[in-house]
């Protein structure tokens, strides 16, 4: 029963916590250039949240990805693609295959 009481107390506190965070955020937003505010609003509206990936999509940025592999003790280019921020992974030293990603 104490878990239920704790959950109800937390639920009751959420509107106050949200107000506090909005009060904290508003003065900070006034320092940001209008173009960045517009990008943030578009990212939230169009992609459901304010993440690095959603901001990249709104700004039209992509991640270029090249996949390399070791063949006969040489690095060889295996594949090239354009993707999103989740495609850009970096391999470990000694891996037989790794991904190189950069923002374009």
N, C-alpha and C. Protein backbone atom coordinates (compact mmCIF):
# COMPACT_ATOMS: atom_id res chain seq x y z
N UNK A 1 0.82 -1.19 0.00
CA UNK A 1 0.00 0.00 0.00
C UNK A 1 0.86 1.26 0.00
N UNK A 2 2.06 1.21 0.61
CA UNK A 2 2.91 2.39 0.64
C UNK A 2 3.42 2.72 -0.76
N UNK A 3 3.61 1.71 -1.61
CA UNK A 3 4.02 1.97 -3.00
C UNK A 3 2.93 2.73 -3.74
N UNK A 4 1.69 2.36 -3.50
CA UNK A 4 0.57 3.06 -4.13
C UNK A 4 0.51 4.50 -3.65
N UNK A 5 0.67 4.72 -2.35
CA UNK A 5 0.66 6.07 -1.81
C UNK A 5 1.80 6.91 -2.40
N UNK A 6 2.96 6.29 -2.53
CA UNK A 6 4.11 6.98 -3.12
C UNK A 6 3.86 7.35 -4.57
N UNK A 7 3.26 6.43 -5.33
CA UNK A 7 2.95 6.70 -6.73
C UNK A 7 1.91 7.81 -6.87
N UNK A 8 0.92 7.79 -5.99
CA UNK A 8 -0.11 8.85 -6.03
C UNK A 8 0.48 10.20 -5.65
N UNK A 9 1.37 10.22 -4.67
CA UNK A 9 2.02 11.47 -4.28
C UNK A 9 2.88 12.01 -5.42
N UNK A 10 3.57 11.12 -6.11
CA UNK A 10 4.40 11.54 -7.25
C UNK A 10 3.52 12.08 -8.37
N UNK A 11 2.44 11.42 -8.66
CA UNK A 11 1.52 11.88 -9.70
C UNK A 11 0.94 13.25 -9.35
N UNK A 12 0.64 13.47 -8.08
CA UNK A 12 0.10 14.76 -7.66
C UNK A 12 1.16 15.85 -7.76
N UNK A 13 2.42 15.50 -7.61
CA UNK A 13 3.51 16.49 -7.64
C UNK A 13 3.93 16.85 -9.07
N UNK A 14 3.61 16.02 -10.05
CA UNK A 14 4.08 16.24 -11.42
C UNK A 14 3.69 17.60 -12.00
N UNK A 15 2.46 18.09 -11.86
CA UNK A 15 2.16 19.42 -12.42
C UNK A 15 3.03 20.53 -11.81
N UNK A 16 3.31 20.47 -10.52
CA UNK A 16 4.16 21.47 -9.87
C UNK A 16 5.60 21.37 -10.38
N UNK A 17 6.09 20.15 -10.56
CA UNK A 17 7.44 19.94 -11.09
C UNK A 17 7.53 20.48 -12.51
N UNK A 18 6.50 20.23 -13.32
CA UNK A 18 6.49 20.74 -14.69
C UNK A 18 6.50 22.26 -14.70
N UNK A 19 5.71 22.89 -13.83
CA UNK A 19 5.69 24.36 -13.75
C UNK A 19 7.07 24.90 -13.36
N UNK A 20 7.71 24.26 -12.41
CA UNK A 20 9.05 24.70 -11.98
C UNK A 20 10.05 24.61 -13.13
N UNK A 21 9.99 23.53 -13.88
CA UNK A 21 10.92 23.36 -15.00
C UNK A 21 10.64 24.36 -16.12
N UNK A 22 9.36 24.63 -16.38
CA UNK A 22 9.02 25.63 -17.40
C UNK A 22 9.47 27.02 -16.96
N UNK A 23 9.30 27.34 -15.68
CA UNK A 23 9.76 28.63 -15.15
C UNK A 23 11.28 28.76 -15.26
N UNK A 24 11.96 27.67 -15.09
CA UNK A 24 13.43 27.66 -15.23
C UNK A 24 13.85 27.81 -16.69
N UNK A 25 13.09 27.20 -17.59
CA UNK A 25 13.45 27.17 -19.01
C UNK A 25 13.17 28.48 -19.73
N UNK A 26 12.08 29.15 -19.41
CA UNK A 26 11.67 30.33 -20.16
C UNK A 26 12.76 31.40 -20.24
N UNK A 27 13.41 31.81 -19.17
CA UNK A 27 14.46 32.82 -19.31
C UNK A 27 15.62 32.35 -20.17
N UNK A 28 15.90 31.06 -20.14
CA UNK A 28 16.99 30.53 -20.97
C UNK A 28 16.63 30.56 -22.44
N UNK A 29 15.36 30.29 -22.77
CA UNK A 29 14.92 30.31 -24.17
C UNK A 29 15.04 31.69 -24.78
N UNK A 30 14.93 32.72 -23.96
CA UNK A 30 15.03 34.09 -24.46
C UNK A 30 16.44 34.45 -24.92
N UNK A 31 17.42 33.64 -24.54
CA UNK A 31 18.81 33.88 -24.94
C UNK A 31 19.19 33.17 -26.24
N UNK A 32 18.33 32.29 -26.71
CA UNK A 32 18.62 31.47 -27.89
C UNK A 32 18.16 32.21 -29.15
N UNK A 33 18.94 32.16 -30.24
CA UNK A 33 18.52 32.78 -31.51
C UNK A 33 17.18 32.21 -31.99
N UNK A 34 16.41 33.05 -32.67
CA UNK A 34 15.07 32.67 -33.14
C UNK A 34 15.13 31.44 -34.04
N UNK A 35 16.14 31.34 -34.88
CA UNK A 35 16.22 30.19 -35.79
C UNK A 35 16.35 28.88 -35.01
N UNK A 36 17.09 28.90 -33.91
CA UNK A 36 17.22 27.69 -33.10
C UNK A 36 15.93 27.37 -32.36
N UNK A 37 15.22 28.41 -31.92
CA UNK A 37 13.92 28.19 -31.29
C UNK A 37 12.95 27.56 -32.28
N UNK A 38 12.96 28.07 -33.52
CA UNK A 38 12.08 27.53 -34.55
C UNK A 38 12.43 26.07 -34.83
N UNK A 39 13.73 25.77 -34.91
CA UNK A 39 14.15 24.38 -35.13
C UNK A 39 13.68 23.48 -33.99
N UNK A 40 13.79 23.96 -32.76
CA UNK A 40 13.36 23.16 -31.60
C UNK A 40 11.86 22.91 -31.65
N UNK A 41 11.09 23.95 -31.97
CA UNK A 41 9.64 23.80 -32.06
C UNK A 41 9.26 22.82 -33.17
N UNK A 42 9.91 22.93 -34.34
CA UNK A 42 9.65 22.02 -35.44
C UNK A 42 10.01 20.57 -35.07
N UNK A 43 11.13 20.40 -34.38
CA UNK A 43 11.56 19.05 -33.98
C UNK A 43 10.53 18.42 -33.06
N UNK A 44 10.00 19.20 -32.14
CA UNK A 44 8.99 18.67 -31.21
C UNK A 44 7.70 18.36 -31.94
N UNK A 45 7.26 19.28 -32.81
CA UNK A 45 6.00 19.07 -33.54
C UNK A 45 6.08 17.93 -34.54
N UNK A 46 7.15 17.90 -35.32
CA UNK A 46 7.23 16.95 -36.43
C UNK A 46 7.77 15.58 -36.03
N UNK A 47 8.63 15.55 -35.00
CA UNK A 47 9.30 14.29 -34.67
C UNK A 47 9.06 13.85 -33.23
N UNK A 48 8.15 14.50 -32.54
CA UNK A 48 7.71 14.04 -31.23
C UNK A 48 8.66 14.27 -30.07
N UNK A 49 9.71 15.02 -30.27
CA UNK A 49 10.61 15.26 -29.16
C UNK A 49 11.79 16.11 -29.57
N UNK A 50 12.54 16.51 -28.59
CA UNK A 50 13.70 17.36 -28.83
C UNK A 50 14.95 16.52 -28.59
N UNK A 51 15.34 15.80 -29.63
CA UNK A 51 16.53 14.95 -29.56
C UNK A 51 17.53 15.44 -30.60
N UNK A 52 18.76 14.96 -30.49
CA UNK A 52 19.78 15.33 -31.47
C UNK A 52 19.35 14.91 -32.87
N UNK A 53 18.79 13.72 -32.97
CA UNK A 53 18.34 13.22 -34.28
C UNK A 53 17.21 14.08 -34.85
N UNK A 54 16.24 14.46 -34.03
CA UNK A 54 15.12 15.27 -34.54
C UNK A 54 15.61 16.65 -34.97
N UNK A 55 16.56 17.23 -34.24
CA UNK A 55 17.12 18.52 -34.66
C UNK A 55 17.87 18.40 -35.98
N UNK A 56 18.61 17.31 -36.15
CA UNK A 56 19.33 17.10 -37.42
C UNK A 56 18.34 16.98 -38.58
N UNK A 57 17.25 16.26 -38.37
CA UNK A 57 16.26 16.09 -39.44
C UNK A 57 15.64 17.43 -39.82
N UNK A 58 15.29 18.24 -38.81
CA UNK A 58 14.68 19.54 -39.08
C UNK A 58 15.65 20.45 -39.82
N UNK A 59 16.93 20.37 -39.47
CA UNK A 59 17.94 21.23 -40.10
C UNK A 59 18.43 20.67 -41.43
N UNK A 60 17.92 19.49 -41.81
CA UNK A 60 18.31 18.89 -43.09
C UNK A 60 19.70 18.28 -43.09
N UNK A 61 20.25 18.01 -41.92
CA UNK A 61 21.57 17.39 -41.83
C UNK A 61 21.42 15.88 -41.86
N UNK A 62 22.40 15.22 -42.43
CA UNK A 62 22.42 13.77 -42.44
C UNK A 62 23.79 13.29 -41.99
N UNK A 63 23.87 12.02 -41.69
CA UNK A 63 25.14 11.41 -41.36
C UNK A 63 25.56 10.55 -42.54
N UNK A 64 26.73 10.82 -43.04
CA UNK A 64 27.29 9.98 -44.10
C UNK A 64 28.03 8.84 -43.41
N UNK A 65 27.84 7.66 -43.91
CA UNK A 65 28.40 6.48 -43.26
C UNK A 65 29.20 5.67 -44.27
N UNK A 66 30.45 5.40 -43.93
CA UNK A 66 31.28 4.52 -44.74
C UNK A 66 31.62 3.29 -43.91
N UNK A 67 31.43 2.13 -44.49
CA UNK A 67 31.76 0.89 -43.80
C UNK A 67 33.06 0.36 -44.39
N UNK A 68 33.99 0.09 -43.51
CA UNK A 68 35.30 -0.41 -43.91
C UNK A 68 35.48 -1.81 -43.33
N UNK A 69 36.34 -2.60 -43.98
CA UNK A 69 36.65 -3.92 -43.45
C UNK A 69 38.11 -4.24 -43.72
N UNK A 70 38.60 -5.20 -42.96
CA UNK A 70 39.97 -5.68 -43.15
C UNK A 70 39.93 -6.86 -44.11
N UNK A 71 40.69 -6.75 -45.19
CA UNK A 71 40.82 -7.85 -46.15
C UNK A 71 42.29 -8.00 -46.51
N UNK A 72 42.83 -9.15 -46.29
CA UNK A 72 44.25 -9.41 -46.58
C UNK A 72 45.16 -8.38 -45.92
N UNK A 73 44.88 -8.08 -44.66
CA UNK A 73 45.65 -7.12 -43.87
C UNK A 73 45.63 -5.70 -44.45
N UNK A 74 44.58 -5.36 -45.20
CA UNK A 74 44.42 -4.01 -45.75
C UNK A 74 43.04 -3.51 -45.39
N UNK A 75 42.91 -2.21 -45.20
CA UNK A 75 41.59 -1.60 -45.01
C UNK A 75 40.96 -1.41 -46.37
N UNK A 76 39.75 -1.90 -46.55
CA UNK A 76 39.06 -1.73 -47.83
C UNK A 76 37.67 -1.18 -47.59
N UNK A 77 37.26 -0.32 -48.49
CA UNK A 77 35.94 0.29 -48.43
C UNK A 77 34.92 -0.75 -48.84
N UNK A 78 33.90 -0.96 -47.99
CA UNK A 78 32.92 -2.01 -48.26
C UNK A 78 31.59 -1.41 -48.72
N UNK A 79 31.15 -0.32 -48.08
CA UNK A 79 29.83 0.23 -48.39
C UNK A 79 29.80 1.70 -47.98
N UNK A 80 28.96 2.49 -48.67
CA UNK A 80 28.78 3.89 -48.33
C UNK A 80 27.29 4.19 -48.34
N UNK A 81 26.81 4.92 -47.35
CA UNK A 81 25.38 5.23 -47.29
C UNK A 81 25.17 6.55 -46.57
N UNK A 82 23.99 7.09 -46.76
CA UNK A 82 23.56 8.26 -46.01
C UNK A 82 22.49 7.79 -45.05
N UNK A 83 22.62 8.15 -43.80
CA UNK A 83 21.66 7.68 -42.82
C UNK A 83 21.36 8.73 -41.77
N UNK A 84 20.89 8.27 -40.64
CA UNK A 84 20.61 9.20 -39.55
C UNK A 84 21.67 9.01 -38.47
N UNK A 85 21.49 9.72 -37.38
CA UNK A 85 22.51 9.72 -36.34
C UNK A 85 22.75 8.34 -35.74
N UNK A 86 21.77 7.44 -35.81
CA UNK A 86 21.94 6.11 -35.22
C UNK A 86 22.84 5.21 -36.07
N UNK A 87 23.06 5.56 -37.34
CA UNK A 87 23.93 4.74 -38.17
C UNK A 87 25.40 4.96 -37.86
N UNK A 88 25.74 6.09 -37.25
CA UNK A 88 27.15 6.44 -37.06
C UNK A 88 27.68 5.77 -35.80
N UNK A 89 28.25 4.61 -35.97
CA UNK A 89 28.88 3.89 -34.87
C UNK A 89 30.37 3.82 -35.17
N UNK A 90 31.15 3.76 -34.15
CA UNK A 90 32.59 3.65 -34.33
C UNK A 90 33.02 2.27 -33.83
N UNK A 91 33.80 1.57 -34.65
CA UNK A 91 34.28 0.25 -34.26
C UNK A 91 35.46 0.35 -33.31
N UNK A 92 35.87 -0.77 -32.82
CA UNK A 92 37.01 -0.84 -31.90
C UNK A 92 38.26 -1.24 -32.67
N UNK A 93 39.41 -0.85 -32.14
CA UNK A 93 40.68 -1.23 -32.77
C UNK A 93 40.76 -2.76 -32.80
N UNK A 94 41.12 -3.28 -33.95
CA UNK A 94 41.23 -4.72 -34.10
C UNK A 94 39.99 -5.37 -34.68
N UNK A 95 38.88 -4.62 -34.80
CA UNK A 95 37.67 -5.18 -35.40
C UNK A 95 37.93 -5.49 -36.87
N UNK A 96 37.24 -6.49 -37.36
CA UNK A 96 37.36 -6.85 -38.77
C UNK A 96 36.58 -5.87 -39.65
N UNK A 97 35.61 -5.17 -39.05
CA UNK A 97 34.78 -4.23 -39.80
C UNK A 97 34.45 -3.06 -38.87
N UNK A 98 34.42 -1.86 -39.39
CA UNK A 98 34.05 -0.71 -38.57
C UNK A 98 33.34 0.32 -39.42
N UNK A 99 32.68 1.25 -38.76
CA UNK A 99 31.88 2.26 -39.42
C UNK A 99 32.49 3.63 -39.14
N UNK A 100 32.61 4.41 -40.18
CA UNK A 100 33.07 5.78 -40.04
C UNK A 100 31.89 6.68 -40.38
N UNK A 101 31.54 7.59 -39.51
CA UNK A 101 30.40 8.47 -39.77
C UNK A 101 30.76 9.92 -39.58
N UNK A 102 30.16 10.79 -40.40
CA UNK A 102 30.37 12.22 -40.26
C UNK A 102 29.12 12.96 -40.67
N UNK A 103 28.90 14.11 -40.08
CA UNK A 103 27.70 14.92 -40.37
C UNK A 103 27.96 15.74 -41.61
N UNK A 104 26.99 15.70 -42.53
CA UNK A 104 27.12 16.45 -43.79
C UNK A 104 25.93 17.39 -43.95
